[in-house]
Amino acid sequence: MAGTGARALLRHCPLLLPQDRHGTAYEGFVTAQGRNFHIRILLPVDLQLKNARIECSWRLKRILHVYQHILKQRLHSCPDLVSFMVELKTVLEIALKNTQDLHIPRPPEYYSCLVRDLEILGWNRVAYVDTGLTTVKLKAEDSCGRQHLISLKLNAKYPTEPPDCLVDFPVPFAVSWMPQNSLIDIYNQFLAALESLKEFWDALDEIDGKTWVLEPENPTRSATTRRIAIGNNVSVNVEVDPRHPNMLPECYFLGADHEVNPLRTKLNNNMHLWDPEISLLQNLRELLGIDFPSRAVLEKSWLQGLPTSRQSFNVIFGECPYCNKPLTLKSSMKKL
């Protein structure tokens, strides 16, 4: 981990220390609500968070059990270990609060108020309610037809205190709340936040649909990066600002110098041509002077040209030159 990253990690998690000089192993404690929990993080050589292994004490594992899917999403979407640890601490704070809150008996008014709020909101917007009426998941569709969920963790003081909200967003979701508010107020704020992120998701959906995205393999709605295949073992990592998705993103080219240097030069020389009125993908095409090839086209020309590939009838087998994962491709056979 670079010097600034190491300092940031020390600031957020002073009890989590590196165990090697390469920054691939960390061990120590994560602190939340005055309690320390033992944790060990093992990163692969390429430092990709999505392939990290996390080992923790049985206490921490039990507390975070119901949040496993959220933490897996964060491992795929967070750009570095510091960001993930910040997310982990936030989730742990919520988990501890909810665990403590389970032992507080809820008055009858809590249940009557919650049921009334759900009826006002409409049961058609409710995706899930647990048996204890402490967790509610609401569903919504944005103006482009994308499906979204918001998870609400309610404490015994609801509605005096707002629920904790968990969303799959690339930006923080802060709820404005007054004691007289209800679930419909949170839902309306959720809808407004969805529309504020429309252009961001539009841009990434176009990239996902019209290029070969190498990483992440299954991007969440909170993921802000895409590694896009270009060809000749070259790819570009694009980091999109969710608040300004139509502006020039951060671009990092990966591949042999003789392949990526001309692309860097084109990008630097053509930056002034960036047009926020057209899509992010179209801008990249025009600035780089390329048309990002589809996965099917790239797989076929790679696999057929690689010395390690083999063909059985109309099926070609080989390894992806980007990630060394096995690939299988059916090729059309022409009749003679």
C-alpha atoms as a PDB file:
ATOM      1  CA  MET A   1       0.000   0.000   0.000  1.00  0.00           C
ATOM      2  CA  ALA A   2       1.313   3.460  -0.914  1.00  0.00           C
ATOM      3  CA  GLY A   3       2.399   5.876   1.813  1.00  0.00           C
ATOM      4  CA  THR A   4      -0.760   8.008   1.731  1.00  0.00           C
ATOM      5  CA  GLY A   5      -2.931   4.873   1.794  1.00  0.00           C
ATOM      6  CA  ALA A   6      -1.030   3.458   4.762  1.00  0.00           C
ATOM      7  CA  ARG A   7      -1.452   6.721   6.664  1.00  0.00           C
ATOM      8  CA  ALA A   8      -5.176   6.815   5.880  1.00  0.00           C
ATOM      9  CA  LEU A   9      -5.574   3.228   7.076  1.00  0.00           C
ATOM     10  CA  LEU A  10      -3.695   4.045  10.283  1.00  0.00           C
ATOM     11  CA  ARG A  11      -5.997   7.014  10.838  1.00  0.00           C
ATOM     12  CA  HIS A  12      -9.214   5.015  10.419  1.00  0.00           C
ATOM     13  CA  CYS A  13      -8.020   1.722  11.932  1.00  0.00           C
ATOM     14  CA  PRO A  14      -5.015   2.412  14.180  1.00  0.00           C
ATOM     15  CA  LEU A  15      -5.089  -1.145  15.573  1.00  0.00           C
ATOM     16  CA  LEU A  16      -4.913  -2.830  12.143  1.00  0.00           C
ATOM     17  CA  LEU A  17      -1.248  -3.273  11.214  1.00  0.00           C
ATOM     18  CA  PRO A  18       0.555  -4.584   8.095  1.00  0.00           C
ATOM     19  CA  GLN A  19       2.196  -7.971   8.511  1.00  0.00           C
ATOM     20  CA  ASP A  20       4.471  -7.838   5.467  1.00  0.00           C
ATOM     21  CA  ARG A  21       6.289  -5.259   3.372  1.00  0.00           C
ATOM     22  CA  HIS A  22       4.121  -5.927   0.307  1.00  0.00           C
ATOM     23  CA  GLY A  23       0.850  -4.787   1.894  1.00  0.00           C
ATOM     24  CA  THR A  24      -0.897  -8.114   1.338  1.00  0.00           C
ATOM     25  CA  ALA A  25      -1.524  -9.087   4.978  1.00  0.00           C
ATOM     26  CA  TYR A  26      -3.036  -7.044   7.784  1.00  0.00           C
ATOM     27  CA  GLU A  27      -3.935  -8.141  11.297  1.00  0.00           C
ATOM     28  CA  GLY A  28      -5.212  -6.444  14.409  1.00  0.00           C
ATOM     29  CA  PHE A  29      -8.483  -5.041  15.619  1.00  0.00           C
ATOM     30  CA  VAL A  30     -11.375  -3.044  14.230  1.00  0.00           C
ATOM     31  CA  THR A  31     -13.074  -0.790  16.769  1.00  0.00           C
ATOM     32  CA  ALA A  32     -16.763   0.074  16.994  1.00  0.00           C
ATOM     33  CA  GLN A  33     -18.786   1.453  19.898  1.00  0.00           C
ATOM     34  CA  GLY A  34     -15.776   1.158  22.182  1.00  0.00           C
ATOM     35  CA  ARG A  35     -15.288  -2.550  21.470  1.00  0.00           C
ATOM     36  CA  ASN A  36     -12.341  -4.173  19.702  1.00  0.00           C
ATOM     37  CA  PHE A  37     -12.818  -7.127  17.352  1.00  0.00           C
ATOM     38  CA  HIS A  38      -9.947  -9.242  16.053  1.00  0.00           C
ATOM     39  CA  ILE A  39      -9.628  -9.328  12.267  1.00  0.00           C
ATOM     40  CA  ARG A  40      -7.120 -10.526   9.683  1.00  0.00           C
ATOM     41  CA  ILE A  41      -7.174  -9.481   6.014  1.00  0.00           C
ATOM     42  CA  LEU A  42      -5.225 -11.310   3.325  1.00  0.00           C
ATOM     43  CA  LEU A  43      -4.944  -9.693  -0.094  1.00  0.00           C
ATOM     44  CA  PRO A  44      -3.735 -11.360  -3.312  1.00  0.00           C
ATOM     45  CA  VAL A  45      -0.497 -10.211  -4.913  1.00  0.00           C
ATOM     46  CA  ASP A  46      -2.389  -7.872  -7.267  1.00  0.00           C
ATOM     47  CA  LEU A  47      -4.137  -6.325  -4.191  1.00  0.00           C
ATOM     48  CA  GLN A  48      -7.596  -6.876  -5.740  1.00  0.00           C
ATOM     49  CA  LEU A  49     -10.105  -6.491  -2.895  1.00  0.00           C
ATOM     50  CA  LYS A  50     -12.665  -8.760  -4.539  1.00  0.00           C
ATOM     51  CA  ASN A  51     -10.287 -11.706  -4.018  1.00  0.00           C
ATOM     52  CA  ALA A  52      -9.402 -10.809  -0.432  1.00  0.00           C
ATOM     53  CA  ARG A  53      -9.832 -13.316   2.399  1.00  0.00           C
ATOM     54  CA  ILE A  54     -11.147 -11.981   5.695  1.00  0.00           C
ATOM     55  CA  GLU A  55     -10.696 -13.924   8.928  1.00  0.00           C
ATOM     56  CA  CYS A  56     -12.257 -12.717  12.153  1.00  0.00           C
ATOM     57  CA  SER A  57     -13.218 -13.773  15.640  1.00  0.00           C
ATOM     58  CA  TRP A  58     -16.380 -15.796  16.147  1.00  0.00           C
ATOM     59  CA  ARG A  59     -17.964 -12.795  17.899  1.00  0.00           C
ATOM     60  CA  LEU A  60     -17.461 -10.528  14.909  1.00  0.00           C
ATOM     61  CA  LYS A  61     -18.556 -13.253  12.476  1.00  0.00           C
ATOM     62  CA  ARG A  62     -21.802 -13.747  14.406  1.00  0.00           C
ATOM     63  CA  ILE A  63     -22.542 -10.020  14.566  1.00  0.00           C
ATOM     64  CA  LEU A  64     -21.928  -9.486  10.838  1.00  0.00           C
ATOM     65  CA  HIS A  65     -23.635 -12.687   9.679  1.00  0.00           C
ATOM     66  CA  VAL A  66     -26.784 -11.018   8.298  1.00  0.00           C
ATOM     67  CA  TYR A  67     -24.677  -8.337   6.569  1.00  0.00           C
ATOM     68  CA  GLN A  68     -22.481 -10.740   4.595  1.00  0.00           C
ATOM     69  CA  HIS A  69     -24.043  -9.894   1.228  1.00  0.00           C
ATOM     70  CA  ILE A  70     -23.480  -6.175   1.822  1.00  0.00           C
ATOM     71  CA  LEU A  71     -19.835  -6.686   2.747  1.00  0.00           C
ATOM     72  CA  LYS A  72     -19.279  -8.860  -0.345  1.00  0.00           C
ATOM     73  CA  GLN A  73     -20.719  -6.070  -2.483  1.00  0.00           C
ATOM     74  CA  ARG A  74     -18.404  -3.573  -0.824  1.00  0.00           C
ATOM     75  CA  LEU A  75     -15.378  -5.791  -1.448  1.00  0.00           C
ATOM     76  CA  HIS A  76     -16.207  -5.668  -5.160  1.00  0.00           C
ATOM     77  CA  SER A  77     -16.991  -1.959  -5.313  1.00  0.00           C
ATOM     78  CA  CYS A  78     -14.507  -0.277  -2.943  1.00  0.00           C
ATOM     79  CA  PRO A  79     -11.396   1.024  -4.742  1.00  0.00           C
ATOM     80  CA  ASP A  80      -8.961   0.252  -1.895  1.00  0.00           C
ATOM     81  CA  LEU A  81      -8.591  -1.295   1.551  1.00  0.00           C
ATOM     82  CA  VAL A  82      -9.086   2.020   3.348  1.00  0.00           C
ATOM     83  CA  SER A  83     -12.481   2.563   1.724  1.00  0.00           C
ATOM     84  CA  PHE A  84     -13.540  -0.975   2.575  1.00  0.00           C
ATOM     85  CA  MET A  85     -12.514  -0.624   6.227  1.00  0.00           C
ATOM     86  CA  VAL A  86     -14.548   2.588   6.486  1.00  0.00           C
ATOM     87  CA  GLU A  87     -17.547   0.704   5.054  1.00  0.00           C
ATOM     88  CA  LEU A  88     -16.914  -2.243   7.382  1.00  0.00           C
ATOM     89  CA  LYS A  89     -16.843   0.007  10.445  1.00  0.00           C
ATOM     90  CA  THR A  90     -20.090   1.685   9.355  1.00  0.00           C
ATOM     91  CA  VAL A  91     -21.829  -1.662   8.907  1.00  0.00           C
ATOM     92  CA  LEU A  92     -20.410  -2.899  12.227  1.00  0.00           C
ATOM     93  CA  GLU A  93     -21.727   0.175  14.038  1.00  0.00           C
ATOM     94  CA  ILE A  94     -25.203  -0.487  12.625  1.00  0.00           C
ATOM     95  CA  ALA A  95     -24.995  -4.195  13.436  1.00  0.00           C
ATOM     96  CA  LEU A  96     -23.951  -3.550  17.044  1.00  0.00           C
ATOM     97  CA  LYS A  97     -26.666  -0.968  17.474  1.00  0.00           C
ATOM     98  CA  ASN A  98     -29.293  -3.363  16.147  1.00  0.00           C
ATOM     99  CA  THR A  99     -27.962  -6.256  18.231  1.00  0.00           C
ATOM    100  CA  GLN A 100     -28.224  -4.188  21.396  1.00  0.00           C
ATOM    101  CA  ASP A 101     -31.588  -2.887  20.316  1.00  0.00           C
ATOM    102  CA  LEU A 102     -33.012  -6.422  20.044  1.00  0.00           C
ATOM    103  CA  HIS A 103     -32.934  -6.682  23.840  1.00  0.00           C
ATOM    104  CA  ILE A 104     -35.020  -3.531  24.289  1.00  0.00           C
ATOM    105  CA  PRO A 105     -38.727  -4.429  24.440  1.00  0.00           C
ATOM    106  CA  ARG A 106     -40.810  -2.521  21.929  1.00  0.00           C
ATOM    107  CA  PRO A 107     -43.967  -0.845  23.186  1.00  0.00           C
ATOM    108  CA  PRO A 108     -47.329  -1.586  21.498  1.00  0.00           C
ATOM    109  CA  GLU A 109     -47.226   1.883  19.938  1.00  0.00           C
ATOM    110  CA  TYR A 110     -44.125   0.892  17.966  1.00  0.00           C
ATOM    111  CA  TYR A 111     -45.960  -1.899  16.155  1.00  0.00           C
ATOM    112  CA  SER A 112     -49.140   0.048  15.546  1.00  0.00           C
ATOM    113  CA  CYS A 113     -47.148   3.010  14.193  1.00  0.00           C
ATOM    114  CA  LEU A 114     -45.025   0.810  11.916  1.00  0.00           C
ATOM    115  CA  VAL A 115     -48.016  -1.096  10.496  1.00  0.00           C
ATOM    116  CA  ARG A 116     -49.844   2.172   9.898  1.00  0.00           C
ATOM    117  CA  ASP A 117     -46.802   3.624   8.099  1.00  0.00           C
ATOM    118  CA  LEU A 118     -46.511   0.512   5.923  1.00  0.00           C
ATOM    119  CA  GLU A 119     -50.177   0.732   4.972  1.00  0.00           C
ATOM    120  CA  ILE A 120     -49.822   4.402   4.070  1.00  0.00           C
ATOM    121  CA  LEU A 121     -46.740   3.618   2.026  1.00  0.00           C
ATOM    122  CA  GLY A 122     -48.462   0.731   0.279  1.00  0.00           C
ATOM    123  CA  TRP A 123     -47.684  -2.961   0.634  1.00  0.00           C
ATOM    124  CA  ASN A 124     -46.861  -3.136  -3.071  1.00  0.00           C
ATOM    125  CA  ARG A 125     -43.678  -1.204  -2.273  1.00  0.00           C
ATOM    126  CA  VAL A 126     -42.598  -3.606   0.473  1.00  0.00           C
ATOM    127  CA  ALA A 127     -40.165  -6.331  -0.576  1.00  0.00           C
ATOM    128  CA  TYR A 128     -39.533  -7.890   2.838  1.00  0.00           C
ATOM    129  CA  VAL A 129     -40.461  -7.612   6.520  1.00  0.00           C
ATOM    130  CA  ASP A 130     -38.863  -9.834   9.152  1.00  0.00           C
ATOM    131  CA  THR A 131     -40.953 -11.662  11.745  1.00  0.00           C
ATOM    132  CA  GLY A 132     -39.896  -9.296  14.508  1.00  0.00           C
ATOM    133  CA  LEU A 133     -40.918  -6.214  12.504  1.00  0.00           C
ATOM    134  CA  THR A 134     -37.454  -4.707  12.972  1.00  0.00           C
ATOM    135  CA  THR A 135     -36.167  -4.955   9.396  1.00  0.00           C
ATOM    136  CA  VAL A 136     -38.030  -3.685   6.350  1.00  0.00           C
ATOM    137  CA  LYS A 137     -36.889  -3.720   2.724  1.00  0.00           C
ATOM    138  CA  LEU A 138     -38.598  -1.405   0.266  1.00  0.00           C
ATOM    139  CA  LYS A 139     -38.426  -1.717  -3.512  1.00  0.00           C
ATOM    140  CA  ALA A 140     -38.513   0.993  -6.136  1.00  0.00           C
ATOM    141  CA  GLU A 141     -38.079   1.362  -9.868  1.00  0.00           C
ATOM    142  CA  ASP A 142     -36.307   4.379 -11.296  1.00  0.00           C
ATOM    143  CA  SER A 143     -37.399   6.208 -14.439  1.00  0.00           C
ATOM    144  CA  CYS A 144     -35.333   3.834 -16.594  1.00  0.00           C
ATOM    145  CA  GLY A 145     -36.898   0.700 -15.141  1.00  0.00           C
ATOM    146  CA  ARG A 146     -33.947  -0.308 -12.941  1.00  0.00           C
ATOM    147  CA  GLN A 147     -34.920  -2.123  -9.741  1.00  0.00           C
ATOM    148  CA  HIS A 148     -33.552  -0.926  -6.388  1.00  0.00           C
ATOM    149  CA  LEU A 149     -33.872  -1.874  -2.721  1.00  0.00           C
ATOM    150  CA  ILE A 150     -33.494   0.080   0.497  1.00  0.00           C
ATOM    151  CA  SER A 151     -33.086  -1.825   3.781  1.00  0.00           C
ATOM    152  CA  LEU A 152     -34.381  -0.175   6.934  1.00  0.00           C
ATOM    153  CA  LYS A 153     -33.295  -1.261  10.411  1.00  0.00           C
ATOM    154  CA  LEU A 154     -35.733   0.157  12.957  1.00  0.00           C
ATOM    155  CA  ASN A 155     -34.907   0.623  16.613  1.00  0.00           C
ATOM    156  CA  ALA A 156     -37.288   0.611  19.574  1.00  0.00           C
ATOM    157  CA  LYS A 157     -37.566   4.415  19.561  1.00  0.00           C
ATOM    158  CA  TYR A 158     -39.074   4.594  16.056  1.00  0.00           C
ATOM    159  CA  PRO A 159     -40.514   6.992  14.927  1.00  0.00           C
ATOM    160  CA  THR A 160     -38.780   9.355  17.363  1.00  0.00           C
ATOM    161  CA  GLU A 161     -35.489   8.156  15.858  1.00  0.00           C
ATOM    162  CA  PRO A 162     -35.065   7.352  12.166  1.00  0.00           C
ATOM    163  CA  PRO A 163     -34.241   3.864  10.894  1.00  0.00           C
ATOM    164  CA  ASP A 164     -30.722   3.026   9.726  1.00  0.00           C
ATOM    165  CA  CYS A 165     -30.784   2.920   5.926  1.00  0.00           C
ATOM    166  CA  LEU A 166     -28.659   0.639   3.746  1.00  0.00           C
ATOM    167  CA  VAL A 167     -28.629   1.244  -0.017  1.00  0.00           C
ATOM    168  CA  ASP A 168     -26.493   0.119  -2.957  1.00  0.00           C
ATOM    169  CA  PHE A 169     -25.379   3.641  -3.888  1.00  0.00           C
ATOM    170  CA  PRO A 170     -21.996   5.004  -4.999  1.00  0.00           C
ATOM    171  CA  VAL A 171     -22.515   8.013  -2.708  1.00  0.00           C
ATOM    172  CA  PRO A 172     -23.664   8.337   0.924  1.00  0.00           C
ATOM    173  CA  PHE A 173     -27.422   8.370   1.481  1.00  0.00           C
ATOM    174  CA  ALA A 174     -28.288  10.701   4.349  1.00  0.00           C
ATOM    175  CA  VAL A 175     -31.902  10.789   5.515  1.00  0.00           C
ATOM    176  CA  SER A 176     -33.545  13.988   6.663  1.00  0.00           C
ATOM    177  CA  TRP A 177     -35.820  13.030   9.551  1.00  0.00           C
ATOM    178  CA  MET A 178     -38.202  14.617  12.043  1.00  0.00           C
ATOM    179  CA  PRO A 179     -40.157  12.732  14.755  1.00  0.00           C
ATOM    180  CA  GLN A 180     -43.395  13.366  12.836  1.00  0.00           C
ATOM    181  CA  ASN A 181     -41.995  11.751   9.673  1.00  0.00           C
ATOM    182  CA  SER A 182     -42.884   8.259   8.464  1.00  0.00           C
ATOM    183  CA  LEU A 183     -41.596   5.609   6.071  1.00  0.00           C
ATOM    184  CA  ILE A 184     -43.103   7.383   3.090  1.00  0.00           C
ATOM    185  CA  ASP A 185     -40.800  10.348   3.754  1.00  0.00           C
ATOM    186  CA  ILE A 186     -37.758   8.056   3.589  1.00  0.00           C
ATOM    187  CA  TYR A 187     -39.170   6.419   0.467  1.00  0.00           C
ATOM    188  CA  ASN A 188     -39.612   9.773  -1.274  1.00  0.00           C
ATOM    189  CA  GLN A 189     -36.036  10.741  -0.394  1.00  0.00           C
ATOM    190  CA  PHE A 190     -34.943   7.366  -1.766  1.00  0.00           C
ATOM    191  CA  LEU A 191     -36.767   8.051  -5.059  1.00  0.00           C
ATOM    192  CA  ALA A 192     -35.168  11.498  -5.314  1.00  0.00           C
ATOM    193  CA  ALA A 193     -31.728   9.992  -4.734  1.00  0.00           C
ATOM    194  CA  LEU A 194     -32.379   7.415  -7.464  1.00  0.00           C
ATOM    195  CA  GLU A 195     -33.147  10.146  -9.978  1.00  0.00           C
ATOM    196  CA  SER A 196     -30.051  12.112  -8.964  1.00  0.00           C
ATOM    197  CA  LEU A 197     -27.962   9.053  -9.908  1.00  0.00           C
ATOM    198  CA  LYS A 198     -29.809   8.359 -13.173  1.00  0.00           C
ATOM    199  CA  GLU A 199     -27.122   9.755 -15.494  1.00  0.00           C
ATOM    200  CA  PHE A 200     -24.391   7.869 -13.603  1.00  0.00           C
ATOM    201  CA  TRP A 201     -26.166   4.529 -13.985  1.00  0.00           C
ATOM    202  CA  ASP A 202     -27.097   5.348 -17.597  1.00  0.00           C
ATOM    203  CA  ALA A 203     -23.420   5.851 -18.416  1.00  0.00           C
ATOM    204  CA  LEU A 204     -22.290   2.614 -16.778  1.00  0.00           C
ATOM    205  CA  ASP A 205     -25.197   0.594 -18.187  1.00  0.00           C
ATOM    206  CA  GLU A 206     -24.158   1.664 -21.685  1.00  0.00           C
ATOM    207  CA  ILE A 207     -20.581   0.571 -20.995  1.00  0.00           C
ATOM    208  CA  ASP A 208     -21.777  -2.750 -19.574  1.00  0.00           C
ATOM    209  CA  GLY A 209     -24.016  -3.379 -22.564  1.00  0.00           C
ATOM    210  CA  LYS A 210     -21.746  -2.296 -25.419  1.00  0.00           C
ATOM    211  CA  THR A 211     -18.212  -3.275 -24.327  1.00  0.00           C
ATOM    212  CA  TRP A 212     -16.425  -6.191 -22.714  1.00  0.00           C
ATOM    213  CA  VAL A 213     -16.106  -5.262 -19.035  1.00  0.00           C
ATOM    214  CA  LEU A 214     -13.315  -7.333 -17.490  1.00  0.00           C
ATOM    215  CA  GLU A 215     -13.802  -6.083 -13.944  1.00  0.00           C
ATOM    216  CA  PRO A 216     -15.916  -6.127 -11.926  1.00  0.00           C
ATOM    217  CA  GLU A 217     -17.519  -9.292 -13.267  1.00  0.00           C
ATOM    218  CA  ASN A 218     -20.880  -8.595 -11.621  1.00  0.00           C
ATOM    219  CA  PRO A 219     -20.885  -4.883 -10.819  1.00  0.00           C
ATOM    220  CA  THR A 220     -23.158  -3.585  -8.107  1.00  0.00           C
ATOM    221  CA  ARG A 221     -24.956  -0.273  -8.396  1.00  0.00           C
ATOM    222  CA  SER A 222     -22.387   1.233  -6.025  1.00  0.00           C
ATOM    223  CA  ALA A 223     -19.425   0.313  -8.255  1.00  0.00           C
ATOM    224  CA  THR A 224     -17.827   3.354  -9.912  1.00  0.00           C
ATOM    225  CA  THR A 225     -15.071   1.633 -11.930  1.00  0.00           C
ATOM    226  CA  ARG A 226     -15.003  -0.468 -15.072  1.00  0.00           C
ATOM    227  CA  ARG A 227     -11.999  -2.154 -16.680  1.00  0.00           C
ATOM    228  CA  ILE A 228     -12.812  -2.302 -20.379  1.00  0.00           C
ATOM    229  CA  ALA A 229     -11.065  -4.523 -22.921  1.00  0.00           C
ATOM    230  CA  ILE A 230      -9.626  -2.689 -25.942  1.00  0.00           C
ATOM    231  CA  GLY A 231      -7.645  -5.404 -27.741  1.00  0.00           C
ATOM    232  CA  ASN A 232      -4.076  -6.725 -28.093  1.00  0.00           C
ATOM    233  CA  ASN A 233      -4.023  -7.463 -24.336  1.00  0.00           C
ATOM    234  CA  VAL A 234      -4.788  -3.799 -23.639  1.00  0.00           C
ATOM    235  CA  SER A 235      -7.518  -2.482 -21.364  1.00  0.00           C
ATOM    236  CA  VAL A 236      -8.515   0.785 -19.736  1.00  0.00           C
ATOM    237  CA  ASN A 237      -9.696   1.249 -16.166  1.00  0.00           C
ATOM    238  CA  VAL A 238     -12.318   3.999 -15.981  1.00  0.00           C
ATOM    239  CA  GLU A 239     -13.289   5.655 -12.687  1.00  0.00           C
ATOM    240  CA  VAL A 240     -16.556   7.593 -13.045  1.00  0.00           C
ATOM    241  CA  ASP A 241     -17.542  10.386 -10.678  1.00  0.00           C
ATOM    242  CA  PRO A 242     -21.137   9.545  -9.664  1.00  0.00           C
ATOM    243  CA  ARG A 243     -21.901  13.199  -9.009  1.00  0.00           C
ATOM    244  CA  HIS A 244     -20.524  14.347 -12.392  1.00  0.00           C
ATOM    245  CA  PRO A 245     -20.882  11.305 -14.665  1.00  0.00           C
ATOM    246  CA  ASN A 246     -20.747  13.343 -17.885  1.00  0.00           C
ATOM    247  CA  MET A 247     -17.324  14.777 -17.118  1.00  0.00           C
ATOM    248  CA  LEU A 248     -14.013  13.222 -18.181  1.00  0.00           C
ATOM    249  CA  PRO A 249     -13.381  10.233 -15.877  1.00  0.00           C
ATOM    250  CA  GLU A 250     -10.060   9.072 -14.520  1.00  0.00           C
ATOM    251  CA  CYS A 251      -8.544   6.677 -17.053  1.00  0.00           C
ATOM    252  CA  TYR A 252      -5.691   4.252 -16.457  1.00  0.00           C
ATOM    253  CA  PHE A 253      -4.411   2.100 -19.312  1.00  0.00           C
ATOM    254  CA  LEU A 254      -3.069  -1.398 -18.734  1.00  0.00           C
ATOM    255  CA  GLY A 255      -0.887  -3.316 -21.165  1.00  0.00           C
ATOM    256  CA  ALA A 256       2.462  -3.212 -22.899  1.00  0.00           C
ATOM    257  CA  ASP A 257       4.000   0.273 -23.183  1.00  0.00           C
ATOM    258  CA  HIS A 258       4.131   0.216 -26.964  1.00  0.00           C
ATOM    259  CA  GLU A 259       0.383  -0.447 -27.009  1.00  0.00           C
ATOM    260  CA  VAL A 260      -0.828   1.919 -24.276  1.00  0.00           C
ATOM    261  CA  ASN A 261       1.478   4.906 -24.885  1.00  0.00           C
ATOM    262  CA  PRO A 262      -0.312   5.945 -28.111  1.00  0.00           C
ATOM    263  CA  LEU A 263      -3.647   5.722 -26.285  1.00  0.00           C
ATOM    264  CA  ARG A 264      -2.380   7.904 -23.438  1.00  0.00           C
ATOM    265  CA  THR A 265      -1.095  10.435 -25.961  1.00  0.00           C
ATOM    266  CA  LYS A 266      -4.445  10.522 -27.787  1.00  0.00           C
ATOM    267  CA  LEU A 267      -6.340  11.014 -24.538  1.00  0.00           C
ATOM    268  CA  ASN A 268      -4.048  13.838 -23.373  1.00  0.00           C
ATOM    269  CA  ASN A 269      -4.141  15.587 -26.749  1.00  0.00           C
ATOM    270  CA  ASN A 270      -7.906  15.331 -27.145  1.00  0.00           C
ATOM    271  CA  MET A 271      -9.085  16.137 -23.607  1.00  0.00           C
ATOM    272  CA  HIS A 272     -10.333  19.537 -24.767  1.00  0.00           C
ATOM    273  CA  LEU A 273     -12.750  17.791 -27.142  1.00  0.00           C
ATOM    274  CA  TRP A 274     -14.705  16.157 -24.312  1.00  0.00           C
ATOM    275  CA  ASP A 275     -18.392  16.930 -24.823  1.00  0.00           C
ATOM    276  CA  PRO A 276     -20.629  16.598 -21.722  1.00  0.00           C
ATOM    277  CA  GLU A 277     -23.679  16.636 -24.016  1.00  0.00           C
ATOM    278  CA  ILE A 278     -22.930  13.151 -25.395  1.00  0.00           C
ATOM    279  CA  SER A 279     -22.510   9.877 -23.528  1.00  0.00           C
ATOM    280  CA  LEU A 280     -19.373   8.918 -21.662  1.00  0.00           C
ATOM    281  CA  LEU A 281     -18.772   5.901 -23.908  1.00  0.00           C
ATOM    282  CA  GLN A 282     -19.167   7.926 -27.097  1.00  0.00           C
ATOM    283  CA  ASN A 283     -16.713  10.508 -25.745  1.00  0.00           C
ATOM    284  CA  LEU A 284     -14.142   7.791 -25.034  1.00  0.00           C
ATOM    285  CA  ARG A 285     -14.583   6.393 -28.536  1.00  0.00           C
ATOM    286  CA  GLU A 286     -14.003   9.771 -30.144  1.00  0.00           C
ATOM    287  CA  LEU A 287     -11.120  10.888 -27.926  1.00  0.00           C
ATOM    288  CA  LEU A 288      -9.244   7.593 -28.310  1.00  0.00           C
ATOM    289  CA  GLY A 289     -10.221   7.071 -31.932  1.00  0.00           C
ATOM    290  CA  ILE A 290     -11.364   3.506 -31.292  1.00  0.00           C
ATOM    291  CA  ASP A 291     -14.553   1.479 -31.236  1.00  0.00           C
ATOM    292  CA  PHE A 292     -14.510  -0.793 -28.203  1.00  0.00           C
ATOM    293  CA  PRO A 293     -14.913  -4.347 -29.535  1.00  0.00           C
ATOM    294  CA  SER A 294     -17.473  -6.767 -28.150  1.00  0.00           C
ATOM    295  CA  ARG A 295     -16.538  -9.772 -26.033  1.00  0.00           C
ATOM    296  CA  ALA A 296     -17.461 -12.268 -28.740  1.00  0.00           C
ATOM    297  CA  VAL A 297     -15.218 -10.619 -31.351  1.00  0.00           C
ATOM    298  CA  LEU A 298     -12.240 -10.296 -29.007  1.00  0.00           C
ATOM    299  CA  GLU A 299     -12.528 -13.824 -27.631  1.00  0.00           C
ATOM    300  CA  LYS A 300     -12.558 -15.344 -31.104  1.00  0.00           C
ATOM    301  CA  SER A 301      -9.491 -13.406 -32.412  1.00  0.00           C
ATOM    302  CA  TRP A 302      -7.540 -14.026 -29.236  1.00  0.00           C
ATOM    303  CA  LEU A 303      -8.255 -17.655 -28.859  1.00  0.00           C
ATOM    304  CA  GLN A 304      -7.646 -18.455 -32.518  1.00  0.00           C
ATOM    305  CA  GLY A 305      -4.278 -16.694 -32.462  1.00  0.00           C
ATOM    306  CA  LEU A 306      -2.934 -17.944 -29.134  1.00  0.00           C
ATOM    307  CA  PRO A 307      -0.429 -20.820 -29.299  1.00  0.00           C
ATOM    308  CA  THR A 308      -1.983 -22.356 -26.153  1.00  0.00           C
ATOM    309  CA  SER A 309      -5.503 -22.545 -27.618  1.00  0.00           C
ATOM    310  CA  ARG A 310      -6.937 -25.738 -29.074  1.00  0.00           C
ATOM    311  CA  GLN A 311     -10.022 -26.541 -31.097  1.00  0.00           C
ATOM    312  CA  SER A 312     -12.309 -29.547 -30.956  1.00  0.00           C
ATOM    313  CA  PHE A 313     -14.852 -29.576 -33.773  1.00  0.00           C
ATOM    314  CA  ASN A 314     -16.419 -26.101 -33.604  1.00  0.00           C
ATOM    315  CA  VAL A 315     -15.383 -25.309 -29.993  1.00  0.00           C
ATOM    316  CA  ILE A 316     -12.182 -23.362 -29.176  1.00  0.00           C
ATOM    317  CA  PHE A 317     -10.579 -23.663 -25.733  1.00  0.00           C
ATOM    318  CA  GLY A 318      -8.009 -21.303 -24.262  1.00  0.00           C
ATOM    319  CA  GLU A 319      -7.143 -18.780 -21.569  1.00  0.00           C
ATOM    320  CA  CYS A 320      -8.060 -15.113 -21.435  1.00  0.00           C
ATOM    321  CA  PRO A 321      -4.846 -13.067 -21.924  1.00  0.00           C
ATOM    322  CA  TYR A 322      -6.155 -10.475 -19.451  1.00  0.00           C
ATOM    323  CA  CYS A 323      -6.945 -12.666 -16.448  1.00  0.00           C
ATOM    324  CA  ASN A 324      -5.866 -16.222 -17.431  1.00  0.00           C
ATOM    325  CA  LYS A 325      -9.368 -17.530 -16.863  1.00  0.00           C
ATOM    326  CA  PRO A 326     -10.417 -20.474 -19.070  1.00  0.00           C
ATOM    327  CA  LEU A 327     -12.554 -19.496 -22.049  1.00  0.00           C
ATOM    328  CA  THR A 328     -14.708 -21.642 -24.291  1.00  0.00           C
ATOM    329  CA  LEU A 329     -15.972 -20.319 -27.593  1.00  0.00           C
ATOM    330  CA  LYS A 330     -18.187 -21.888 -30.222  1.00  0.00           C
ATOM    331  CA  SER A 331     -17.143 -20.908 -33.738  1.00  0.00           C
ATOM    332  CA  SER A 332     -19.420 -21.127 -36.729  1.00  0.00           C
ATOM    333  CA  MET A 333     -18.390 -23.797 -39.221  1.00  0.00           C
ATOM    334  CA  LYS A 334     -18.823 -23.080 -42.904  1.00  0.00           C
ATOM    335  CA  LYS A 335     -20.054 -25.783 -45.218  1.00  0.00           C
ATOM    336  CA  LEU A 336     -17.662 -26.636 -48.043  1.00  0.00           C
END
